[in-house]
Amino acid sequence: MDTFVDIHSHLLPGIDDGAQNLADAVELAQYAVNSGISHSVLTPHIHPGRYDNDEKSIHKAFMLLEDELIKQKIPLTIAYAAEVRISAEMMPLLENNKIPFLGQYKGEKIILLEFPHSHILPGSDKLINWLFKRNIRPIIVHPERNKELQADISKIKPFLKVGCLLQITAGSLIGKFGSKSQQIARLLIENKYAYFVATDAHNIKNRPPELADVNRYLVTTMGKQEAKKLLYSNPWNIVRHKF
């Protein structure tokens, strides 16, 4: 079986809209292993006013899950970071070391950055410039599910131009988030604008940590080498030091 590295998942128990308890988290971890995922970075939401997580709350949930996976001998190697909603509030959180980074890229620190699903916030470019000035490079998550980008995909280009990376949700590529998300996801992959594919797993029923099915799609359409880049090599280059 091919092995994959998942850089975006919501397996940590009880701290966002992902796994609701430890039993859910363990079930998701076992599912991830069964789908070929060897390493998973657990990235709960940091969304001020909705999910007020920080380094401390995330680390606490991580230790709980890590101990349980060891106890149950589930061979998923885990680390943690966060999916950060773009907002003015994220700036002091970063300055006070309350946001865990995803990894490193060319000497820069990396965060997962989430836009609202409906639109691109005015001033997003300025906040991203603020990040780059502090040696922080954002990975923009699931751009294919943003309504404004669905209406005009060219609006992602200024973010690519300054050096943002893109992460596509695996389920989008195979139609699990609707035809428009699928169309945009495939376009971003085909044009090689996307650097990663990840699960954004939340639960077993609708959003499981599944990469084997999308690997089959990518191998068929892009070839085995490109599929490996998106699902293993590129993610590993970012997160390997965390393991």
C-alpha atoms as a PDB file:
ATOM      1  CA  MET A   1       0.000   0.000   0.000  1.00  0.00           C
ATOM      2  CA  ASP A   2       1.152   3.560  -0.737  1.00  0.00           C
ATOM      3  CA  THR A   3       1.728   5.703   2.348  1.00  0.00           C
ATOM      4  CA  PHE A   4       0.637   9.299   2.780  1.00  0.00           C
ATOM      5  CA  VAL A   5       1.315  12.294   5.017  1.00  0.00           C
ATOM      6  CA  ASP A   6      -1.777  14.271   6.043  1.00  0.00           C
ATOM      7  CA  ILE A   7      -1.070  17.899   6.995  1.00  0.00           C
ATOM      8  CA  HIS A   8      -4.652  19.005   7.768  1.00  0.00           C
ATOM      9  CA  SER A   9      -7.041  17.080  10.014  1.00  0.00           C
ATOM     10  CA  HIS A  10      -9.359  17.598  12.963  1.00  0.00           C
ATOM     11  CA  LEU A  11      -8.736  14.457  14.986  1.00  0.00           C
ATOM     12  CA  LEU A  12      -8.008  16.059  18.355  1.00  0.00           C
ATOM     13  CA  PRO A  13     -10.857  15.327  20.764  1.00  0.00           C
ATOM     14  CA  GLY A  14     -13.320  17.906  22.023  1.00  0.00           C
ATOM     15  CA  ILE A  15     -11.729  21.201  20.967  1.00  0.00           C
ATOM     16  CA  ASP A  16     -13.448  22.078  17.672  1.00  0.00           C
ATOM     17  CA  ASP A  17     -15.977  20.657  15.201  1.00  0.00           C
ATOM     18  CA  GLY A  18     -13.874  17.537  14.539  1.00  0.00           C
ATOM     19  CA  ALA A  19     -13.614  14.548  16.889  1.00  0.00           C
ATOM     20  CA  GLN A  20     -16.020  15.180  19.744  1.00  0.00           C
ATOM     21  CA  ASN A  21     -14.406  12.830  22.253  1.00  0.00           C
ATOM     22  CA  LEU A  22     -11.491  10.444  22.666  1.00  0.00           C
ATOM     23  CA  ALA A  23     -13.382   7.476  21.222  1.00  0.00           C
ATOM     24  CA  ASP A  24     -14.126   9.463  18.034  1.00  0.00           C
ATOM     25  CA  ALA A  25     -10.478  10.486  17.787  1.00  0.00           C
ATOM     26  CA  VAL A  26      -9.227   6.911  18.124  1.00  0.00           C
ATOM     27  CA  GLU A  27     -11.704   5.696  15.501  1.00  0.00           C
ATOM     28  CA  LEU A  28     -10.534   8.415  13.090  1.00  0.00           C
ATOM     29  CA  ALA A  29      -6.891   7.540  13.746  1.00  0.00           C
ATOM     30  CA  GLN A  30      -7.512   3.873  12.957  1.00  0.00           C
ATOM     31  CA  TYR A  31      -9.364   4.870   9.784  1.00  0.00           C
ATOM     32  CA  ALA A  32      -6.399   7.034   8.751  1.00  0.00           C
ATOM     33  CA  VAL A  33      -4.012   4.103   9.171  1.00  0.00           C
ATOM     34  CA  ASN A  34      -6.320   1.851   7.143  1.00  0.00           C
ATOM     35  CA  SER A  35      -6.349   4.397   4.308  1.00  0.00           C
ATOM     36  CA  GLY A  36      -2.545   4.455   4.132  1.00  0.00           C
ATOM     37  CA  ILE A  37      -1.779   7.547   6.220  1.00  0.00           C
ATOM     38  CA  SER A  38       1.435   7.013   8.195  1.00  0.00           C
ATOM     39  CA  HIS A  39       1.880  10.535   9.593  1.00  0.00           C
ATOM     40  CA  SER A  40      -0.844  13.012  10.445  1.00  0.00           C
ATOM     41  CA  VAL A  41      -0.588  16.594  11.659  1.00  0.00           C
ATOM     42  CA  LEU A  42      -3.642  17.381  13.783  1.00  0.00           C
ATOM     43  CA  THR A  43      -4.766  20.924  13.079  1.00  0.00           C
ATOM     44  CA  PRO A  44      -7.759  22.100  15.123  1.00  0.00           C
ATOM     45  CA  HIS A  45      -9.343  25.444  14.343  1.00  0.00           C
ATOM     46  CA  ILE A  46      -8.055  28.649  15.871  1.00  0.00           C
ATOM     47  CA  HIS A  47     -10.981  30.934  15.087  1.00  0.00           C
ATOM     48  CA  PRO A  48     -11.228  33.770  17.631  1.00  0.00           C
ATOM     49  CA  GLY A  49     -14.707  34.022  19.115  1.00  0.00           C
ATOM     50  CA  ARG A  50     -15.676  30.568  17.877  1.00  0.00           C
ATOM     51  CA  TYR A  51     -12.833  28.169  18.630  1.00  0.00           C
ATOM     52  CA  ASP A  52     -10.544  29.952  21.059  1.00  0.00           C
ATOM     53  CA  ASN A  53      -7.766  27.406  20.910  1.00  0.00           C
ATOM     54  CA  ASP A  54      -4.097  28.162  21.362  1.00  0.00           C
ATOM     55  CA  GLU A  55      -0.833  26.277  21.827  1.00  0.00           C
ATOM     56  CA  LYS A  56      -1.788  25.278  25.380  1.00  0.00           C
ATOM     57  CA  SER A  57      -5.263  23.834  24.683  1.00  0.00           C
ATOM     58  CA  ILE A  58      -4.064  22.052  21.547  1.00  0.00           C
ATOM     59  CA  HIS A  59      -1.069  20.502  23.293  1.00  0.00           C
ATOM     60  CA  LYS A  60      -3.278  19.219  26.116  1.00  0.00           C
ATOM     61  CA  ALA A  61      -5.664  17.468  23.691  1.00  0.00           C
ATOM     62  CA  PHE A  62      -2.720  16.146  21.691  1.00  0.00           C
ATOM     63  CA  MET A  63      -1.094  14.481  24.724  1.00  0.00           C
ATOM     64  CA  LEU A  64      -4.391  12.823  25.620  1.00  0.00           C
ATOM     65  CA  LEU A  65      -4.761  11.337  22.143  1.00  0.00           C
ATOM     66  CA  GLU A  66      -1.105  10.387  21.742  1.00  0.00           C
ATOM     67  CA  ASP A  67      -1.191   8.410  25.001  1.00  0.00           C
ATOM     68  CA  GLU A  68      -4.341   6.590  23.907  1.00  0.00           C
ATOM     69  CA  LEU A  69      -2.919   5.683  20.488  1.00  0.00           C
ATOM     70  CA  ILE A  70       0.151   4.226  22.174  1.00  0.00           C
ATOM     71  CA  LYS A  71      -2.043   2.321  24.627  1.00  0.00           C
ATOM     72  CA  GLN A  72      -4.197   0.886  21.824  1.00  0.00           C
ATOM     73  CA  LYS A  73      -1.168   0.262  19.555  1.00  0.00           C
ATOM     74  CA  ILE A  74      -2.566   2.264  16.659  1.00  0.00           C
ATOM     75  CA  PRO A  75       0.424   2.959  14.372  1.00  0.00           C
ATOM     76  CA  LEU A  76      -0.395   6.526  13.379  1.00  0.00           C
ATOM     77  CA  THR A  77       2.474   8.928  14.015  1.00  0.00           C
ATOM     78  CA  ILE A  78       1.007  12.286  15.018  1.00  0.00           C
ATOM     79  CA  ALA A  79       2.064  15.882  15.558  1.00  0.00           C
ATOM     80  CA  TYR A  80       0.015  19.043  15.996  1.00  0.00           C
ATOM     81  CA  ALA A  81      -0.393  22.528  14.527  1.00  0.00           C
ATOM     82  CA  ALA A  82      -3.550  24.576  13.820  1.00  0.00           C
ATOM     83  CA  GLU A  83      -5.851  25.793  11.082  1.00  0.00           C
ATOM     84  CA  VAL A  84      -5.923  29.545  11.634  1.00  0.00           C
ATOM     85  CA  ARG A  85      -8.859  31.674  10.485  1.00  0.00           C
ATOM     86  CA  ILE A  86      -7.601  34.874   8.896  1.00  0.00           C
ATOM     87  CA  SER A  87      -8.356  37.778  11.246  1.00  0.00           C
ATOM     88  CA  ALA A  88      -6.740  40.753  12.951  1.00  0.00           C
ATOM     89  CA  GLU A  89      -6.786  38.731  16.190  1.00  0.00           C
ATOM     90  CA  MET A  90      -4.281  36.239  14.826  1.00  0.00           C
ATOM     91  CA  MET A  91      -1.499  38.842  14.848  1.00  0.00           C
ATOM     92  CA  PRO A  92      -1.153  39.165  18.651  1.00  0.00           C
ATOM     93  CA  LEU A  93      -1.589  35.395  18.976  1.00  0.00           C
ATOM     94  CA  LEU A  94       1.395  34.876  16.688  1.00  0.00           C
ATOM     95  CA  GLU A  95       3.444  37.552  18.414  1.00  0.00           C
ATOM     96  CA  ASN A  96       2.794  35.874  21.779  1.00  0.00           C
ATOM     97  CA  ASN A  97       3.701  32.379  20.475  1.00  0.00           C
ATOM     98  CA  LYS A  98       0.169  31.058  20.969  1.00  0.00           C
ATOM     99  CA  ILE A  99      -0.194  29.552  17.492  1.00  0.00           C
ATOM    100  CA  PRO A 100       1.670  26.308  16.759  1.00  0.00           C
ATOM    101  CA  PHE A 101       3.334  26.259  13.341  1.00  0.00           C
ATOM    102  CA  LEU A 102       2.787  23.505  10.813  1.00  0.00           C
ATOM    103  CA  GLY A 103       6.419  23.245   9.791  1.00  0.00           C
ATOM    104  CA  GLN A 104       9.200  24.909   7.850  1.00  0.00           C
ATOM    105  CA  TYR A 105       9.847  25.727   4.194  1.00  0.00           C
ATOM    106  CA  LYS A 106      13.068  27.270   2.889  1.00  0.00           C
ATOM    107  CA  GLY A 107      13.856  28.644   6.343  1.00  0.00           C
ATOM    108  CA  GLU A 108      10.383  30.109   6.873  1.00  0.00           C
ATOM    109  CA  LYS A 109       7.771  29.085   9.418  1.00  0.00           C
ATOM    110  CA  ILE A 110       4.526  27.717   7.954  1.00  0.00           C
ATOM    111  CA  ILE A 111       0.913  28.119   9.064  1.00  0.00           C
ATOM    112  CA  LEU A 112      -2.358  26.784   7.681  1.00  0.00           C
ATOM    113  CA  LEU A 113      -4.468  29.839   6.872  1.00  0.00           C
ATOM    114  CA  GLU A 114      -8.229  29.617   6.362  1.00  0.00           C
ATOM    115  CA  PHE A 115     -10.276  32.190   4.464  1.00  0.00           C
ATOM    116  CA  PRO A 116     -14.024  32.498   5.156  1.00  0.00           C
ATOM    117  CA  HIS A 117     -16.040  30.154   2.948  1.00  0.00           C
ATOM    118  CA  SER A 118     -18.078  33.006   1.488  1.00  0.00           C
ATOM    119  CA  HIS A 119     -15.482  35.538   0.335  1.00  0.00           C
ATOM    120  CA  ILE A 120     -11.962  36.923   0.573  1.00  0.00           C
ATOM    121  CA  LEU A 121     -11.785  39.414   3.425  1.00  0.00           C
ATOM    122  CA  PRO A 122     -10.755  42.944   2.410  1.00  0.00           C
ATOM    123  CA  GLY A 123      -7.216  43.499   3.673  1.00  0.00           C
ATOM    124  CA  SER A 124      -6.228  39.820   3.368  1.00  0.00           C
ATOM    125  CA  ASP A 125      -3.292  40.836   1.180  1.00  0.00           C
ATOM    126  CA  LYS A 126      -2.031  43.223   3.870  1.00  0.00           C
ATOM    127  CA  LEU A 127      -2.229  40.585   6.580  1.00  0.00           C
ATOM    128  CA  ILE A 128      -0.371  38.121   4.364  1.00  0.00           C
ATOM    129  CA  ASN A 129       2.333  40.720   3.729  1.00  0.00           C
ATOM    130  CA  TRP A 130       2.554  41.157   7.530  1.00  0.00           C
ATOM    131  CA  LEU A 131       3.148  37.403   7.834  1.00  0.00           C
ATOM    132  CA  PHE A 132       5.866  37.330   5.185  1.00  0.00           C
ATOM    133  CA  LYS A 133       7.687  40.222   6.874  1.00  0.00           C
ATOM    134  CA  ARG A 134       7.876  38.002   9.967  1.00  0.00           C
ATOM    135  CA  ASN A 135       9.254  35.030   8.028  1.00  0.00           C
ATOM    136  CA  ILE A 136       5.896  33.208   8.094  1.00  0.00           C
ATOM    137  CA  ARG A 137       4.604  31.648   4.883  1.00  0.00           C
ATOM    138  CA  PRO A 138       0.903  30.746   4.755  1.00  0.00           C
ATOM    139  CA  ILE A 139      -0.626  27.673   3.187  1.00  0.00           C
ATOM    140  CA  ILE A 140      -4.123  28.700   2.095  1.00  0.00           C
ATOM    141  CA  VAL A 141      -6.421  25.772   2.836  1.00  0.00           C
ATOM    142  CA  HIS A 142      -9.282  24.529   0.645  1.00  0.00           C
ATOM    143  CA  PRO A 143      -9.407  27.552  -1.734  1.00  0.00           C
ATOM    144  CA  GLU A 144     -11.673  25.506  -3.990  1.00  0.00           C
ATOM    145  CA  ARG A 145     -14.468  25.775  -1.411  1.00  0.00           C
ATOM    146  CA  ASN A 146     -14.384  29.593  -1.211  1.00  0.00           C
ATOM    147  CA  LYS A 147     -17.434  31.073  -3.003  1.00  0.00           C
ATOM    148  CA  GLU A 148     -15.607  34.152  -4.284  1.00  0.00           C
ATOM    149  CA  LEU A 149     -12.839  32.018  -5.766  1.00  0.00           C
ATOM    150  CA  GLN A 150     -15.403  29.663  -7.240  1.00  0.00           C
ATOM    151  CA  ALA A 151     -16.891  32.653  -9.070  1.00  0.00           C
ATOM    152  CA  ASP A 152     -13.493  33.917 -10.252  1.00  0.00           C
ATOM    153  CA  ILE A 153     -10.512  31.614  -9.790  1.00  0.00           C
ATOM    154  CA  SER A 154      -8.112  34.330 -10.997  1.00  0.00           C
ATOM    155  CA  LYS A 155      -8.537  36.022  -7.590  1.00  0.00           C
ATOM    156  CA  ILE A 156      -6.148  33.442  -6.116  1.00  0.00           C
ATOM    157  CA  LYS A 157      -3.287  34.607  -8.357  1.00  0.00           C
ATOM    158  CA  PRO A 158      -2.122  37.609  -6.263  1.00  0.00           C
ATOM    159  CA  PHE A 159      -1.715  35.259  -3.292  1.00  0.00           C
ATOM    160  CA  LEU A 160       0.271  32.786  -5.365  1.00  0.00           C
ATOM    161  CA  LYS A 161       2.406  35.609  -6.734  1.00  0.00           C
ATOM    162  CA  VAL A 162       3.588  36.684  -3.281  1.00  0.00           C
ATOM    163  CA  GLY A 163       4.422  33.094  -2.354  1.00  0.00           C
ATOM    164  CA  CYS A 164       1.416  31.543  -0.637  1.00  0.00           C
ATOM    165  CA  LEU A 165       1.047  27.787  -1.054  1.00  0.00           C
ATOM    166  CA  LEU A 166      -2.292  26.054  -1.669  1.00  0.00           C
ATOM    167  CA  GLN A 167      -3.760  22.930  -0.066  1.00  0.00           C
ATOM    168  CA  ILE A 168      -6.682  21.168  -1.734  1.00  0.00           C
ATOM    169  CA  THR A 169      -9.131  18.977   0.190  1.00  0.00           C
ATOM    170  CA  ALA A 170      -9.017  15.372  -1.011  1.00  0.00           C
ATOM    171  CA  GLY A 171     -12.809  15.051  -0.971  1.00  0.00           C
ATOM    172  CA  SER A 172     -13.209  18.063  -3.265  1.00  0.00           C
ATOM    173  CA  LEU A 173     -11.311  16.312  -6.055  1.00  0.00           C
ATOM    174  CA  ILE A 174     -13.749  13.413  -6.092  1.00  0.00           C
ATOM    175  CA  GLY A 175     -16.944  15.451  -5.770  1.00  0.00           C
ATOM    176  CA  LYS A 176     -17.733  15.233  -2.053  1.00  0.00           C
ATOM    177  CA  PHE A 177     -18.156  19.019  -1.707  1.00  0.00           C
ATOM    178  CA  GLY A 178     -20.201  19.522  -4.867  1.00  0.00           C
ATOM    179  CA  SER A 179     -19.474  19.979  -8.543  1.00  0.00           C
ATOM    180  CA  LYS A 180     -18.146  23.544  -8.317  1.00  0.00           C
ATOM    181  CA  SER A 181     -15.593  22.705  -5.633  1.00  0.00           C
ATOM    182  CA  GLN A 182     -14.587  19.682  -7.667  1.00  0.00           C
ATOM    183  CA  GLN A 183     -14.166  21.745 -10.835  1.00  0.00           C
ATOM    184  CA  ILE A 184     -11.991  24.368  -9.104  1.00  0.00           C
ATOM    185  CA  ALA A 185      -9.957  21.750  -7.210  1.00  0.00           C
ATOM    186  CA  ARG A 186      -9.177  19.868 -10.399  1.00  0.00           C
ATOM    187  CA  LEU A 187      -8.286  23.089 -12.208  1.00  0.00           C
ATOM    188  CA  LEU A 188      -5.852  24.077  -9.441  1.00  0.00           C
ATOM    189  CA  ILE A 189      -4.272  20.612  -9.495  1.00  0.00           C
ATOM    190  CA  GLU A 190      -4.026  20.443 -13.301  1.00  0.00           C
ATOM    191  CA  ASN A 191      -2.372  23.884 -13.453  1.00  0.00           C
ATOM    192  CA  LYS A 192       0.019  22.848 -10.664  1.00  0.00           C
ATOM    193  CA  TYR A 193      -1.076  25.746  -8.452  1.00  0.00           C
ATOM    194  CA  ALA A 194      -1.682  23.365  -5.536  1.00  0.00           C
ATOM    195  CA  TYR A 195       1.207  22.063  -3.481  1.00  0.00           C
ATOM    196  CA  PHE A 196      -0.630  19.632  -1.202  1.00  0.00           C
ATOM    197  CA  VAL A 197      -3.729  17.475  -0.969  1.00  0.00           C
ATOM    198  CA  ALA A 198      -4.942  16.735   2.583  1.00  0.00           C
ATOM    199  CA  THR A 199      -8.030  15.230   4.200  1.00  0.00           C
ATOM    200  CA  ASP A 200      -9.390  18.067   6.391  1.00  0.00           C
ATOM    201  CA  ALA A 201     -10.965  15.119   8.215  1.00  0.00           C
ATOM    202  CA  HIS A 202     -13.648  15.868  10.800  1.00  0.00           C
ATOM    203  CA  ASN A 203     -15.673  12.666  11.285  1.00  0.00           C
ATOM    204  CA  ILE A 204     -16.066   9.116  10.010  1.00  0.00           C
ATOM    205  CA  LYS A 205     -19.450   9.507   8.347  1.00  0.00           C
ATOM    206  CA  ASN A 206     -19.029  12.507   6.047  1.00  0.00           C
ATOM    207  CA  ARG A 207     -15.413  13.688   6.255  1.00  0.00           C
ATOM    208  CA  PRO A 208     -13.104  10.774   7.065  1.00  0.00           C
ATOM    209  CA  PRO A 209      -9.280  10.812   6.932  1.00  0.00           C
ATOM    210  CA  GLU A 210      -9.230   9.129   3.515  1.00  0.00           C
ATOM    211  CA  LEU A 211      -6.453   9.557   0.944  1.00  0.00           C
ATOM    212  CA  ALA A 212      -6.339   6.178  -0.827  1.00  0.00           C
ATOM    213  CA  ASP A 213      -9.308   7.010  -3.068  1.00  0.00           C
ATOM    214  CA  VAL A 214      -7.924  10.383  -4.152  1.00  0.00           C
ATOM    215  CA  ASN A 215      -4.514   8.765  -4.712  1.00  0.00           C
ATOM    216  CA  ARG A 216      -6.146   6.460  -7.253  1.00  0.00           C
ATOM    217  CA  TYR A 217      -7.684   9.468  -9.005  1.00  0.00           C
ATOM    218  CA  LEU A 218      -4.390  11.385  -9.033  1.00  0.00           C
ATOM    219  CA  VAL A 219      -2.375   8.406 -10.303  1.00  0.00           C
ATOM    220  CA  THR A 220      -4.864   7.925 -13.140  1.00  0.00           C
ATOM    221  CA  THR A 221      -4.983  11.596 -14.155  1.00  0.00           C
ATOM    222  CA  MET A 222      -1.537  12.946 -13.230  1.00  0.00           C
ATOM    223  CA  GLY A 223       0.688   9.894 -12.904  1.00  0.00           C
ATOM    224  CA  LYS A 224       2.232   8.191  -9.887  1.00  0.00           C
ATOM    225  CA  GLN A 225       5.079  10.675  -9.458  1.00  0.00           C
ATOM    226  CA  GLU A 226       2.762  13.721  -9.260  1.00  0.00           C
ATOM    227  CA  ALA A 227       0.393  11.893  -6.908  1.00  0.00           C
ATOM    228  CA  LYS A 228       3.301  11.095  -4.586  1.00  0.00           C
ATOM    229  CA  LYS A 229       4.394  14.750  -4.578  1.00  0.00           C
ATOM    230  CA  LEU A 230       0.943  15.974  -3.522  1.00  0.00           C
ATOM    231  CA  LEU A 231       0.252  13.289  -0.926  1.00  0.00           C
ATOM    232  CA  TYR A 232       3.682  12.484   0.471  1.00  0.00           C
ATOM    233  CA  SER A 233       6.806  14.328  -0.701  1.00  0.00           C
ATOM    234  CA  ASN A 234       5.613  17.941  -0.513  1.00  0.00           C
ATOM    235  CA  PRO A 235       3.803  17.476   2.812  1.00  0.00           C
ATOM    236  CA  TRP A 236       6.778  15.628   4.286  1.00  0.00           C
ATOM    237  CA  ASN A 237       9.185  18.385   3.249  1.00  0.00           C
ATOM    238  CA  ILE A 238       7.136  20.852   5.311  1.00  0.00           C
ATOM    239  CA  VAL A 239       6.419  18.791   8.443  1.00  0.00           C
ATOM    240  CA  ARG A 240       9.246  16.261   8.799  1.00  0.00           C
ATOM    241  CA  HIS A 241      11.040  18.130  11.589  1.00  0.00           C
ATOM    242  CA  LYS A 242       7.901  17.773  13.769  1.00  0.00           C
ATOM    243  CA  PHE A 243       8.385  14.001  13.790  1.00  0.00           C
END
